[in-house]
C-alpha atoms as a PDB file:
ATOM      1  CA  MET A   1      21.173   3.267  12.343  1.00  0.00           C
ATOM      2  CA  ASN A   2      20.332   6.037   9.845  1.00  0.00           C
ATOM      3  CA  SER A   3      21.211   9.149  11.803  1.00  0.00           C
ATOM      4  CA  ALA A   4      21.816  11.768   9.092  1.00  0.00           C
ATOM      5  CA  LYS A   5      18.430  12.048   7.409  1.00  0.00           C
ATOM      6  CA  LYS A   6      18.115  14.325   4.392  1.00  0.00           C
ATOM      7  CA  THR A   7      15.297  15.672   2.260  1.00  0.00           C
ATOM      8  CA  ALA A   8      15.663  14.548  -1.341  1.00  0.00           C
ATOM      9  CA  THR A   9      14.356  15.986  -4.595  1.00  0.00           C
ATOM     10  CA  VAL A  10      13.570  14.214  -7.844  1.00  0.00           C
ATOM     11  CA  SER A  11      16.878  15.468  -9.251  1.00  0.00           C
ATOM     12  CA  SER A  12      18.930  14.282  -6.277  1.00  0.00           C
ATOM     13  CA  VAL A  13      17.138  10.917  -6.311  1.00  0.00           C
ATOM     14  CA  CYS A  14      18.021  10.475  -9.989  1.00  0.00           C
ATOM     15  CA  LYS A  15      21.681  11.177  -9.187  1.00  0.00           C
ATOM     16  CA  LEU A  16      21.599   8.570  -6.420  1.00  0.00           C
ATOM     17  CA  LEU A  17      20.083   6.010  -8.748  1.00  0.00           C
ATOM     18  CA  LEU A  18      22.638   6.736 -11.460  1.00  0.00           C
ATOM     19  CA  ASN A  19      25.599   6.667  -9.061  1.00  0.00           C
ATOM     20  CA  ASN A  20      24.733   3.252  -7.605  1.00  0.00           C
ATOM     21  CA  ASN A  21      24.495  -0.075  -9.361  1.00  0.00           C
ATOM     22  CA  SER A  22      22.511  -2.489  -7.186  1.00  0.00           C
ATOM     23  CA  PHE A  23      19.245  -1.902  -5.359  1.00  0.00           C
ATOM     24  CA  ALA A  24      17.035  -3.780  -2.922  1.00  0.00           C
ATOM     25  CA  ILE A  25      13.515  -2.380  -3.323  1.00  0.00           C
ATOM     26  CA  PHE A  26      11.066  -2.913  -0.463  1.00  0.00           C
ATOM     27  CA  ALA A  27       7.264  -2.831  -0.597  1.00  0.00           C
ATOM     28  CA  HIS A  28       5.239  -2.349   2.558  1.00  0.00           C
ATOM     29  CA  THR A  29       3.672  -5.257   4.402  1.00  0.00           C
ATOM     30  CA  ASN A  30       0.209  -6.315   3.206  1.00  0.00           C
ATOM     31  CA  PRO A  31       1.054  -4.738  -0.155  1.00  0.00           C
ATOM     32  CA  ASP A  32      -1.509  -2.780  -2.157  1.00  0.00           C
ATOM     33  CA  GLY A  33      -1.542  -1.773  -5.798  1.00  0.00           C
ATOM     34  CA  ASP A  34       0.463   1.401  -5.281  1.00  0.00           C
ATOM     35  CA  THR A  35       3.412  -0.166  -3.476  1.00  0.00           C
ATOM     36  CA  LEU A  36       3.439  -3.128  -5.894  1.00  0.00           C
ATOM     37  CA  GLY A  37       3.093  -1.062  -9.050  1.00  0.00           C
ATOM     38  CA  SER A  38       5.585   1.566  -7.893  1.00  0.00           C
ATOM     39  CA  CYS A  39       8.184  -1.004  -6.789  1.00  0.00           C
ATOM     40  CA  VAL A  40       7.986  -2.932 -10.038  1.00  0.00           C
ATOM     41  CA  ALA A  41       8.036   0.252 -12.139  1.00  0.00           C
ATOM     42  CA  LEU A  42      11.159   1.452 -10.334  1.00  0.00           C
ATOM     43  CA  ALA A  43      12.825  -1.937 -10.780  1.00  0.00           C
ATOM     44  CA  LEU A  44      11.994  -1.989 -14.506  1.00  0.00           C
ATOM     45  CA  ALA A  45      13.371   1.530 -14.946  1.00  0.00           C
ATOM     46  CA  LEU A  46      16.614   0.686 -13.127  1.00  0.00           C
ATOM     47  CA  ARG A  47      17.090  -2.535 -15.074  1.00  0.00           C
ATOM     48  CA  SER A  48      16.630  -0.635 -18.330  1.00  0.00           C
ATOM     49  CA  LEU A  49      19.621   1.459 -17.230  1.00  0.00           C
ATOM     50  CA  GLY A  50      21.725  -1.640 -16.685  1.00  0.00           C
ATOM     51  CA  LYS A  51      21.284  -1.650 -12.906  1.00  0.00           C
ATOM     52  CA  SER A  52      20.499  -4.614 -10.666  1.00  0.00           C
ATOM     53  CA  ALA A  53      17.201  -4.373  -8.766  1.00  0.00           C
ATOM     54  CA  ASN A  54      15.489  -7.016  -6.639  1.00  0.00           C
ATOM     55  CA  LEU A  55      12.063  -6.817  -4.991  1.00  0.00           C
ATOM     56  CA  PHE A  56      11.236  -7.679  -1.377  1.00  0.00           C
ATOM     57  CA  CYS A  57       8.095  -7.784   0.765  1.00  0.00           C
ATOM     58  CA  ASP A  58       7.518  -9.632   4.024  1.00  0.00           C
ATOM     59  CA  MET A  59       4.057 -10.662   2.825  1.00  0.00           C
ATOM     60  CA  LEU A  60       3.840 -12.003  -0.692  1.00  0.00           C
ATOM     61  CA  PRO A  61       1.155 -10.621  -3.040  1.00  0.00           C
ATOM     62  CA  ASP A  62      -1.774 -12.961  -3.598  1.00  0.00           C
ATOM     63  CA  ALA A  63      -1.693 -15.514  -6.387  1.00  0.00           C
ATOM     64  CA  LYS A  64      -4.291 -13.638  -8.445  1.00  0.00           C
ATOM     65  CA  LEU A  65      -1.986 -10.652  -8.828  1.00  0.00           C
ATOM     66  CA  CYS A  66       1.095 -12.785  -9.468  1.00  0.00           C
ATOM     67  CA  ASN A  67      -0.725 -14.748 -12.158  1.00  0.00           C
ATOM     68  CA  SER A  68      -2.089 -11.623 -13.808  1.00  0.00           C
ATOM     69  CA  PHE A  69       1.071  -9.512 -13.711  1.00  0.00           C
ATOM     70  CA  GLY A  70       4.246 -11.565 -14.002  1.00  0.00           C
ATOM     71  CA  GLU A  71       6.690  -9.129 -12.390  1.00  0.00           C
ATOM     72  CA  ILE A  72       4.661  -9.093  -9.169  1.00  0.00           C
ATOM     73  CA  GLY A  73       5.683 -12.715  -8.763  1.00  0.00           C
ATOM     74  CA  GLN A  74       9.311 -11.549  -8.414  1.00  0.00           C
ATOM     75  CA  PHE A  75       8.851 -10.334  -4.821  1.00  0.00           C
ATOM     76  CA  SER A  76      10.726 -12.379  -2.226  1.00  0.00           C
ATOM     77  CA  GLN A  77       9.978 -12.823   1.471  1.00  0.00           C
ATOM     78  CA  LYS A  78      13.573 -13.870   2.109  1.00  0.00           C
ATOM     79  CA  PHE A  79      16.384 -11.360   1.802  1.00  0.00           C
ATOM     80  CA  PHE A  80      19.338 -12.242  -0.409  1.00  0.00           C
ATOM     81  CA  GLY A  81      22.213 -10.520  -2.168  1.00  0.00           C
ATOM     82  CA  LYS A  82      24.436  -7.493  -1.571  1.00  0.00           C
ATOM     83  CA  TYR A  83      23.347  -3.997  -2.571  1.00  0.00           C
ATOM     84  CA  ASP A  84      24.593  -0.452  -2.846  1.00  0.00           C
ATOM     85  CA  MET A  85      21.263   0.995  -1.741  1.00  0.00           C
ATOM     86  CA  PHE A  86      17.993   0.013  -0.065  1.00  0.00           C
ATOM     87  CA  VAL A  87      14.833   1.745  -1.314  1.00  0.00           C
ATOM     88  CA  SER A  88      11.538   1.754   0.585  1.00  0.00           C
ATOM     89  CA  VAL A  89       8.531   2.504  -1.597  1.00  0.00           C
ATOM     90  CA  ASP A  90       5.161   3.785  -0.351  1.00  0.00           C
ATOM     91  CA  CYS A  91       6.078   3.355   3.332  1.00  0.00           C
ATOM     92  CA  GLY A  92       4.990   6.115   5.714  1.00  0.00           C
ATOM     93  CA  ASP A  93       7.134   4.751   8.547  1.00  0.00           C
ATOM     94  CA  ILE A  94       9.785   2.091   8.993  1.00  0.00           C
ATOM     95  CA  PHE A  95       7.370  -0.295  10.683  1.00  0.00           C
ATOM     96  CA  ARG A  96       5.496  -0.631   7.387  1.00  0.00           C
ATOM     97  CA  LEU A  97       8.461  -2.685   6.218  1.00  0.00           C
ATOM     98  CA  GLY A  98       7.385  -5.422   8.608  1.00  0.00           C
ATOM     99  CA  GLU A  99       9.977  -8.163   9.044  1.00  0.00           C
ATOM    100  CA  PHE A 100      12.512  -6.149   7.024  1.00  0.00           C
ATOM    101  CA  ALA A 101      12.385  -3.058   9.279  1.00  0.00           C
ATOM    102  CA  SER A 102      15.434  -3.935  11.378  1.00  0.00           C
ATOM    103  CA  LEU A 103      17.498  -4.966   8.356  1.00  0.00           C
ATOM    104  CA  TYR A 104      16.613  -1.708   6.629  1.00  0.00           C
ATOM    105  CA  ASP A 105      17.289   0.466   9.665  1.00  0.00           C
ATOM    106  CA  ASN A 106      20.795  -0.912  10.045  1.00  0.00           C
ATOM    107  CA  PHE A 107      21.815  -0.328   6.431  1.00  0.00           C
ATOM    108  CA  GLY A 108      23.749   2.827   5.612  1.00  0.00           C
ATOM    109  CA  GLU A 109      22.513   3.962   2.201  1.00  0.00           C
ATOM    110  CA  THR A 110      18.720   4.092   2.246  1.00  0.00           C
ATOM    111  CA  LEU A 111      16.128   6.016   0.247  1.00  0.00           C
ATOM    112  CA  THR A 112      12.421   6.536   0.915  1.00  0.00           C
ATOM    113  CA  LEU A 113       9.984   7.317  -1.905  1.00  0.00           C
ATOM    114  CA  ASP A 114       6.573   7.974  -0.389  1.00  0.00           C
ATOM    115  CA  HIS A 115       3.490  10.174  -0.497  1.00  0.00           C
ATOM    116  CA  HIS A 116       2.047   9.675   3.001  1.00  0.00           C
ATOM    117  CA  GLY A 117       3.865  12.540   4.714  1.00  0.00           C
ATOM    118  CA  GLY A 118       5.189  10.332   7.495  1.00  0.00           C
ATOM    119  CA  GLU A 119       8.401  10.513   9.470  1.00  0.00           C
ATOM    120  CA  TYR A 120      11.774  10.453   7.734  1.00  0.00           C
ATOM    121  CA  PHE A 121      13.455   7.127   8.460  1.00  0.00           C
ATOM    122  CA  SER A 122      15.906   6.791   5.568  1.00  0.00           C
ATOM    123  CA  ARG A 123      19.128   8.646   4.904  1.00  0.00           C
ATOM    124  CA  TYR A 124      17.481  10.220   1.848  1.00  0.00           C
ATOM    125  CA  ASN A 125      13.748  10.976   1.796  1.00  0.00           C
ATOM    126  CA  LEU A 126      11.582  12.087  -1.108  1.00  0.00           C
ATOM    127  CA  VAL A 127       8.141  12.527   0.421  1.00  0.00           C
ATOM    128  CA  THR A 128       5.326  14.328  -1.391  1.00  0.00           C
ATOM    129  CA  ASN A 129       1.620  14.938  -0.947  1.00  0.00           C
ATOM    130  CA  TYR A 130       0.716  13.250  -4.219  1.00  0.00           C
ATOM    131  CA  ALA A 131      -2.240  10.913  -4.549  1.00  0.00           C
ATOM    132  CA  SER A 132       0.085   7.950  -5.090  1.00  0.00           C
ATOM    133  CA  THR A 133       3.744   7.038  -4.879  1.00  0.00           C
ATOM    134  CA  SER A 134       3.577   5.986  -8.535  1.00  0.00           C
ATOM    135  CA  GLN A 135       3.498   9.703  -9.401  1.00  0.00           C
ATOM    136  CA  ILE A 136       6.938  10.085  -7.812  1.00  0.00           C
ATOM    137  CA  ILE A 137       8.250   7.115  -9.789  1.00  0.00           C
ATOM    138  CA  PHE A 138       6.720   8.628 -12.933  1.00  0.00           C
ATOM    139  CA  GLU A 139       8.676  11.862 -12.365  1.00  0.00           C
ATOM    140  CA  VAL A 140      11.880   9.935 -11.715  1.00  0.00           C
ATOM    141  CA  VAL A 141      11.386   7.837 -14.854  1.00  0.00           C
ATOM    142  CA  LYS A 142      10.869  10.967 -16.965  1.00  0.00           C
ATOM    143  CA  GLN A 143      13.923  12.749 -15.558  1.00  0.00           C
ATOM    144  CA  LEU A 144      16.065   9.660 -16.111  1.00  0.00           C
ATOM    145  CA  SER A 145      14.816   9.617 -19.733  1.00  0.00           C
ATOM    146  CA  VAL A 146      13.812   5.975 -19.391  1.00  0.00           C
ATOM    147  CA  PRO A 147      11.624   4.918 -22.346  1.00  0.00           C
ATOM    148  CA  ILE A 148       8.096   4.071 -21.182  1.00  0.00           C
ATOM    149  CA  ASP A 149       6.958   0.855 -22.818  1.00  0.00           C
ATOM    150  CA  ASP A 150       3.584  -0.814 -22.285  1.00  0.00           C
ATOM    151  CA  LYS A 151       4.845  -2.867 -19.331  1.00  0.00           C
ATOM    152  CA  LEU A 152       6.296   0.101 -17.434  1.00  0.00           C
ATOM    153  CA  ALA A 153       3.191   2.145 -18.238  1.00  0.00           C
ATOM    154  CA  THR A 154       0.961  -0.606 -16.862  1.00  0.00           C
ATOM    155  CA  TYR A 155       2.708  -0.750 -13.490  1.00  0.00           C
ATOM    156  CA  LEU A 156       2.741   3.026 -13.164  1.00  0.00           C
ATOM    157  CA  TYR A 157      -0.974   3.040 -13.946  1.00  0.00           C
ATOM    158  CA  MET A 158      -1.524   0.278 -11.367  1.00  0.00           C
ATOM    159  CA  GLY A 159      -0.207   2.495  -8.577  1.00  0.00           C
ATOM    160  CA  LEU A 160      -2.100   5.573  -9.728  1.00  0.00           C
ATOM    161  CA  CYS A 161      -5.404   3.802 -10.356  1.00  0.00           C
ATOM    162  CA  THR A 162      -5.531   1.827  -7.113  1.00  0.00           C
ATOM    163  CA  ASP A 163      -4.523   4.607  -4.725  1.00  0.00           C
ATOM    164  CA  THR A 164      -7.120   6.956  -6.196  1.00  0.00           C
ATOM    165  CA  GLY A 165      -9.824   4.300  -5.955  1.00  0.00           C
ATOM    166  CA  ASN A 166     -10.057   4.159  -9.741  1.00  0.00           C
ATOM    167  CA  PHE A 167     -10.007   7.960  -9.812  1.00  0.00           C
ATOM    168  CA  SER A 168     -12.890   8.273  -7.364  1.00  0.00           C
ATOM    169  CA  HIS A 169     -11.165   9.340  -4.107  1.00  0.00           C
ATOM    170  CA  ASN A 170     -10.869  12.958  -3.076  1.00  0.00           C
ATOM    171  CA  ASN A 171      -7.101  12.833  -3.666  1.00  0.00           C
ATOM    172  CA  THR A 172      -7.731  12.631  -7.427  1.00  0.00           C
ATOM    173  CA  ASP A 173      -6.696  15.863  -9.123  1.00  0.00           C
ATOM    174  CA  LYS A 174      -5.710  17.195 -12.528  1.00  0.00           C
ATOM    175  CA  SER A 175      -2.205  15.723 -12.305  1.00  0.00           C
ATOM    176  CA  CYS A 176      -3.649  12.226 -11.920  1.00  0.00           C
ATOM    177  CA  PHE A 177      -5.618  12.488 -15.149  1.00  0.00           C
ATOM    178  CA  LEU A 178      -2.679  14.043 -16.988  1.00  0.00           C
ATOM    179  CA  MET A 179      -0.425  11.166 -15.911  1.00  0.00           C
ATOM    180  CA  ALA A 180      -3.092   8.630 -16.874  1.00  0.00           C
ATOM    181  CA  SER A 181      -3.381  10.192 -20.328  1.00  0.00           C
ATOM    182  CA  VAL A 182       0.374   9.820 -20.888  1.00  0.00           C
ATOM    183  CA  LEU A 183       0.266   6.187 -19.755  1.00  0.00           C
ATOM    184  CA  CYS A 184      -2.679   5.581 -22.065  1.00  0.00           C
ATOM    185  CA  GLU A 185      -0.569   6.874 -24.961  1.00  0.00           C
ATOM    186  CA  HIS A 186       2.072   4.312 -23.985  1.00  0.00           C
ATOM    187  CA  ASN A 187      -0.453   1.458 -24.073  1.00  0.00           C
ATOM    188  CA  ALA A 188      -0.876   0.804 -20.356  1.00  0.00           C
ATOM    189  CA  GLN A 189      -3.206  -2.167 -19.847  1.00  0.00           C
ATOM    190  CA  MET A 190      -5.858  -0.060 -18.138  1.00  0.00           C
ATOM    191  CA  GLU A 191      -8.772  -2.449 -18.587  1.00  0.00           C
ATOM    192  CA  LYS A 192      -6.757  -5.331 -17.166  1.00  0.00           C
ATOM    193  CA  VAL A 193      -5.657  -3.357 -14.103  1.00  0.00           C
ATOM    194  CA  ASN A 194      -9.212  -2.196 -13.456  1.00  0.00           C
ATOM    195  CA  ARG A 195     -10.623  -5.687 -13.851  1.00  0.00           C
ATOM    196  CA  VAL A 196      -8.069  -7.473 -11.670  1.00  0.00           C
ATOM    197  CA  PHE A 197      -8.078  -4.922  -8.842  1.00  0.00           C
ATOM    198  CA  PHE A 198     -11.700  -3.803  -8.826  1.00  0.00           C
ATOM    199  CA  LYS A 199     -13.817  -6.567 -10.370  1.00  0.00           C
ATOM    200  CA  ASP A 200     -12.318 -10.048 -10.379  1.00  0.00           C
ATOM    201  CA  THR A 201     -12.892 -12.124  -7.260  1.00  0.00           C
ATOM    202  CA  THR A 202     -12.409 -15.764  -6.273  1.00  0.00           C
ATOM    203  CA  LEU A 203     -15.007 -18.001  -4.692  1.00  0.00           C
ATOM    204  CA  THR A 204     -12.980 -17.962  -1.461  1.00  0.00           C
ATOM    205  CA  GLU A 205     -12.915 -14.157  -1.431  1.00  0.00           C
ATOM    206  CA  THR A 206     -16.674 -14.102  -1.981  1.00  0.00           C
ATOM    207  CA  LYS A 207     -17.204 -16.467   0.957  1.00  0.00           C
ATOM    208  CA  LEU A 208     -14.956 -14.290   3.152  1.00  0.00           C
ATOM    209  CA  LEU A 209     -16.967 -11.236   2.191  1.00  0.00           C
ATOM    210  CA  ALA A 210     -20.205 -13.017   3.052  1.00  0.00           C
ATOM    211  CA  ARG A 211     -18.801 -13.993   6.454  1.00  0.00           C
ATOM    212  CA  ALA A 212     -17.657 -10.446   7.183  1.00  0.00           C
ATOM    213  CA  LEU A 213     -20.964  -8.921   6.054  1.00  0.00           C
ATOM    214  CA  SER A 214     -22.882 -11.307   8.307  1.00  0.00           C
ATOM    215  CA  ARG A 215     -21.005  -9.828  11.273  1.00  0.00           C
ATOM    216  CA  MET A 216     -21.430  -6.171  10.459  1.00  0.00           C
ATOM    217  CA  ARG A 217     -22.126  -4.019  13.505  1.00  0.00           C
ATOM    218  CA  MET A 218     -23.400  -0.463  13.472  1.00  0.00           C
ATOM    219  CA  TYR A 219     -22.593   2.189  16.069  1.00  0.00           C
ATOM    220  CA  TYR A 220     -23.474   5.817  16.720  1.00  0.00           C
ATOM    221  CA  ASP A 221     -26.808   5.805  14.915  1.00  0.00           C
ATOM    222  CA  GLY A 222     -25.289   4.187  11.848  1.00  0.00           C
ATOM    223  CA  LYS A 223     -22.305   6.543  11.552  1.00  0.00           C
ATOM    224  CA  MET A 224     -19.813   3.736  12.120  1.00  0.00           C
ATOM    225  CA  ALA A 225     -19.863   0.296  10.484  1.00  0.00           C
ATOM    226  CA  LEU A 226     -17.525  -2.442  11.689  1.00  0.00           C
ATOM    227  CA  MET A 227     -16.823  -5.969  10.414  1.00  0.00           C
ATOM    228  CA  TYR A 228     -14.315  -8.620  11.439  1.00  0.00           C
ATOM    229  CA  LEU A 229     -12.787 -11.951  10.464  1.00  0.00           C
ATOM    230  CA  THR A 230     -10.829 -14.273  12.739  1.00  0.00           C
ATOM    231  CA  SER A 231      -7.896 -16.520  11.922  1.00  0.00           C
ATOM    232  CA  ALA A 232     -10.314 -19.432  12.369  1.00  0.00           C
ATOM    233  CA  ASP A 233     -12.440 -18.003   9.545  1.00  0.00           C
ATOM    234  CA  LEU A 234      -9.422 -17.867   7.252  1.00  0.00           C
ATOM    235  CA  ARG A 235      -8.455 -21.431   8.061  1.00  0.00           C
ATOM    236  CA  GLU A 236     -12.001 -22.733   7.625  1.00  0.00           C
ATOM    237  CA  LEU A 237     -12.390 -21.112   4.228  1.00  0.00           C
ATOM    238  CA  GLY A 238      -8.830 -21.854   3.103  1.00  0.00           C
ATOM    239  CA  ALA A 239      -8.035 -18.192   2.589  1.00  0.00           C
ATOM    240  CA  ASP A 240      -4.826 -16.187   2.792  1.00  0.00           C
ATOM    241  CA  PHE A 241      -4.745 -12.948   4.736  1.00  0.00           C
ATOM    242  CA  SER A 242      -4.370 -11.025   1.479  1.00  0.00           C
ATOM    243  CA  ALA A 243      -7.828 -12.215   0.408  1.00  0.00           C
ATOM    244  CA  THR A 244      -9.400  -9.774   2.881  1.00  0.00           C
ATOM    245  CA  SER A 245      -8.121  -6.746   0.987  1.00  0.00           C
ATOM    246  CA  GLY A 246     -10.899  -4.391  -0.051  1.00  0.00           C
ATOM    247  CA  ILE A 247     -13.598  -5.759   2.261  1.00  0.00           C
ATOM    248  CA  VAL A 248     -13.498  -2.568   4.327  1.00  0.00           C
ATOM    249  CA  GLN A 249     -15.046  -0.720   1.379  1.00  0.00           C
ATOM    250  CA  TYR A 250     -18.340  -2.505   2.008  1.00  0.00           C
ATOM    251  CA  ALA A 251     -18.454  -0.970   5.483  1.00  0.00           C
ATOM    252  CA  ILE A 252     -17.954   2.599   4.335  1.00  0.00           C
ATOM    253  CA  ASN A 253     -20.402   2.076   1.461  1.00  0.00           C
ATOM    254  CA  ILE A 254     -23.291   2.024   3.962  1.00  0.00           C
ATOM    255  CA  ASP A 255     -25.101   5.272   3.214  1.00  0.00           C
ATOM    256  CA  THR A 256     -25.157   6.510   6.814  1.00  0.00           C
ATOM    257  CA  ALA A 257     -21.579   5.499   7.611  1.00  0.00           C
ATOM    258  CA  LYS A 258     -18.911   8.134   8.173  1.00  0.00           C
ATOM    259  CA  ALA A 259     -16.363   5.558   9.350  1.00  0.00           C
ATOM    260  CA  GLY A 260     -15.915   2.009   8.060  1.00  0.00           C
ATOM    261  CA  VAL A 261     -13.760  -0.504   9.924  1.00  0.00           C
ATOM    262  CA  MET A 262     -12.552  -3.965   8.926  1.00  0.00           C
ATOM    263  CA  MET A 263     -10.628  -6.120  11.426  1.00  0.00           C
ATOM    264  CA  THR A 264      -8.767  -9.291  10.460  1.00  0.00           C
ATOM    265  CA  GLU A 265      -6.890 -11.477  12.917  1.00  0.00           C
ATOM    266  CA  TYR A 266      -3.341 -11.503  11.571  1.00  0.00           C
ATOM    267  CA  ALA A 267      -1.799 -13.563  14.393  1.00  0.00           C
ATOM    268  CA  PRO A 268      -3.260 -14.921  17.656  1.00  0.00           C
ATOM    269  CA  ASN A 269      -4.981 -11.923  19.278  1.00  0.00           C
ATOM    270  CA  VAL A 270      -3.349  -9.482  16.854  1.00  0.00           C
ATOM    271  CA  PHE A 271      -5.711  -7.670  14.490  1.00  0.00           C
ATOM    272  CA  LYS A 272      -4.934  -5.803  11.285  1.00  0.00           C
ATOM    273  CA  VAL A 273      -7.397  -2.928  11.195  1.00  0.00           C
ATOM    274  CA  SER A 274      -8.337  -1.101   7.991  1.00  0.00           C
ATOM    275  CA  MET A 275     -10.370   2.099   8.204  1.00  0.00           C
ATOM    276  CA  ARG A 276     -12.107   4.257   5.650  1.00  0.00           C
ATOM    277  CA  GLY A 277     -13.734   7.633   6.193  1.00  0.00           C
ATOM    278  CA  LYS A 278     -16.417   9.560   4.381  1.00  0.00           C
ATOM    279  CA  ASP A 279     -15.687  13.250   4.971  1.00  0.00           C
ATOM    280  CA  PHE A 280     -14.252  11.963   8.255  1.00  0.00           C
ATOM    281  CA  SER A 281     -10.557  11.597   9.073  1.00  0.00           C
ATOM    282  CA  VAL A 282      -9.539   8.094  10.085  1.00  0.00           C
ATOM    283  CA  ARG A 283      -5.787   8.727   9.893  1.00  0.00           C
ATOM    284  CA  ASP A 284      -5.609  10.302  13.343  1.00  0.00           C
ATOM    285  CA  ILE A 285      -7.628   7.428  14.791  1.00  0.00           C
ATOM    286  CA  CYS A 286      -5.166   4.902  13.392  1.00  0.00           C
ATOM    287  CA  ARG A 287      -2.282   6.988  14.697  1.00  0.00           C
ATOM    288  CA  GLU A 288      -3.724   6.587  18.174  1.00  0.00           C
ATOM    289  CA  PHE A 289      -2.927   2.885  17.766  1.00  0.00           C
ATOM    290  CA  GLY A 290       0.507   3.370  16.195  1.00  0.00           C
ATOM    291  CA  GLY A 291      -0.654   3.225  12.573  1.00  0.00           C
ATOM    292  CA  GLY A 292      -1.268   5.804   9.882  1.00  0.00           C
ATOM    293  CA  GLY A 293      -2.046   6.307   6.229  1.00  0.00           C
ATOM    294  CA  HIS A 294      -4.217   8.698   4.261  1.00  0.00           C
ATOM    295  CA  LEU A 295      -6.757  11.130   5.649  1.00  0.00           C
ATOM    296  CA  TYR A 296      -9.692   8.944   4.624  1.00  0.00           C
ATOM    297  CA  ALA A 297      -7.941   5.569   4.271  1.00  0.00           C
ATOM    298  CA  ALA A 298      -5.658   4.311   7.014  1.00  0.00           C
ATOM    299  CA  GLY A 299      -4.744   1.259   9.040  1.00  0.00           C
ATOM    300  CA  CYS A 300      -3.083  -0.072  12.171  1.00  0.00           C
ATOM    301  CA  MET A 301      -2.346  -3.218  14.167  1.00  0.00           C
ATOM    302  CA  ILE A 302      -3.999  -3.735  17.567  1.00  0.00           C
ATOM    303  CA  SER A 303      -3.300  -6.550  20.010  1.00  0.00           C
ATOM    304  CA  GLY A 304      -5.928  -7.946  22.355  1.00  0.00           C
ATOM    305  CA  PHE A 305      -8.978 -10.137  22.552  1.00  0.00           C
ATOM    306  CA  LEU A 306     -11.544  -9.563  19.820  1.00  0.00           C
ATOM    307  CA  GLU A 307     -14.221  -7.806  21.850  1.00  0.00           C
ATOM    308  CA  ASP A 308     -11.638  -5.721  23.716  1.00  0.00           C
ATOM    309  CA  VAL A 309     -10.152  -4.506  20.444  1.00  0.00           C
ATOM    310  CA  ILE A 310     -13.596  -3.675  19.103  1.00  0.00           C
ATOM    311  CA  GLU A 311     -14.363  -1.726  22.280  1.00  0.00           C
ATOM    312  CA  LYS A 312     -11.131   0.271  21.950  1.00  0.00           C
ATOM    313  CA  ILE A 313     -11.859   1.211  18.347  1.00  0.00           C
ATOM    314  CA  VAL A 314     -15.471   2.145  19.026  1.00  0.00           C
ATOM    315  CA  ARG A 315     -14.423   4.312  21.951  1.00  0.00           C
ATOM    316  CA  VAL A 316     -11.725   6.224  20.037  1.00  0.00           C
ATOM    317  CA  VAL A 317     -13.975   6.744  16.989  1.00  0.00           C
ATOM    318  CA  GLY A 318     -16.655   8.001  19.336  1.00  0.00           C
ATOM    319  CA  TYR A 319     -14.484  10.908  20.439  1.00  0.00           C
ATOM    320  CA  THR A 320     -14.808  12.604  17.053  1.00  0.00           C
ATOM    321  CA  ILE A 321     -17.582  11.062  14.993  1.00  0.00           C
END
């Protein structure tokens, strides 16, 4: 167990990275662009320093991302190797590590790099209020004097771009644009990142979206929009769970909606819930169910029968909407 938890700085993190030689880097379950981009960027930086760095996630990124960005295909669902240090990236709590949580918790030398402001669960913890974890990695890379080539710039941009909603979320500030300008100078593949994450879709993903939209329910005079997909839907359409990423945005895009909810059955009677808010905090709602995230973008897991889970969510949202 990690009992002596410490607050880390960029400088102290750089010393840790320089003083160790082998790293297991963990992305959070159901990985998004920030955890993927930040993990890969950190791994590339460490390898450029002659270090060993391997990537782990209990849920592999979808094939589209792996085919578009080769290093994303390096993530493994199975743990292997011996390491000096474990690093969790973009994880607000240890449970975000999914199947690797217990392994991580029982390792001595652990480091968290995160921007969610969650609980400290590693021995060393660098937690900021930045828009994305990639901004932390960017600072570390600069302080380590690692040269930023086009590949490293692309993965740093991936984290920044996706966690700001392509620079449209309210967490976007001056520092985001300044970082983006530096990455542009280093030939980050901005158009490719934008296309793959925000435009490209498969036929299966389009069919899933159609199914979810057909089930949209409105509550509280249109202030809450909710959609859902079952495991039977995924099987019927031949879709992976990762193909549901981003569907929640269609709920919050309803003009009257203050809260958008997307539920996907992850296991029998276990639902992964994604929430988005429009000038309405959904983080505290997700915390009620043991989850968390950003103020206006959060998630949680809820067990129960479909209609019972829907009733629970509607009731809790109703307390504040």
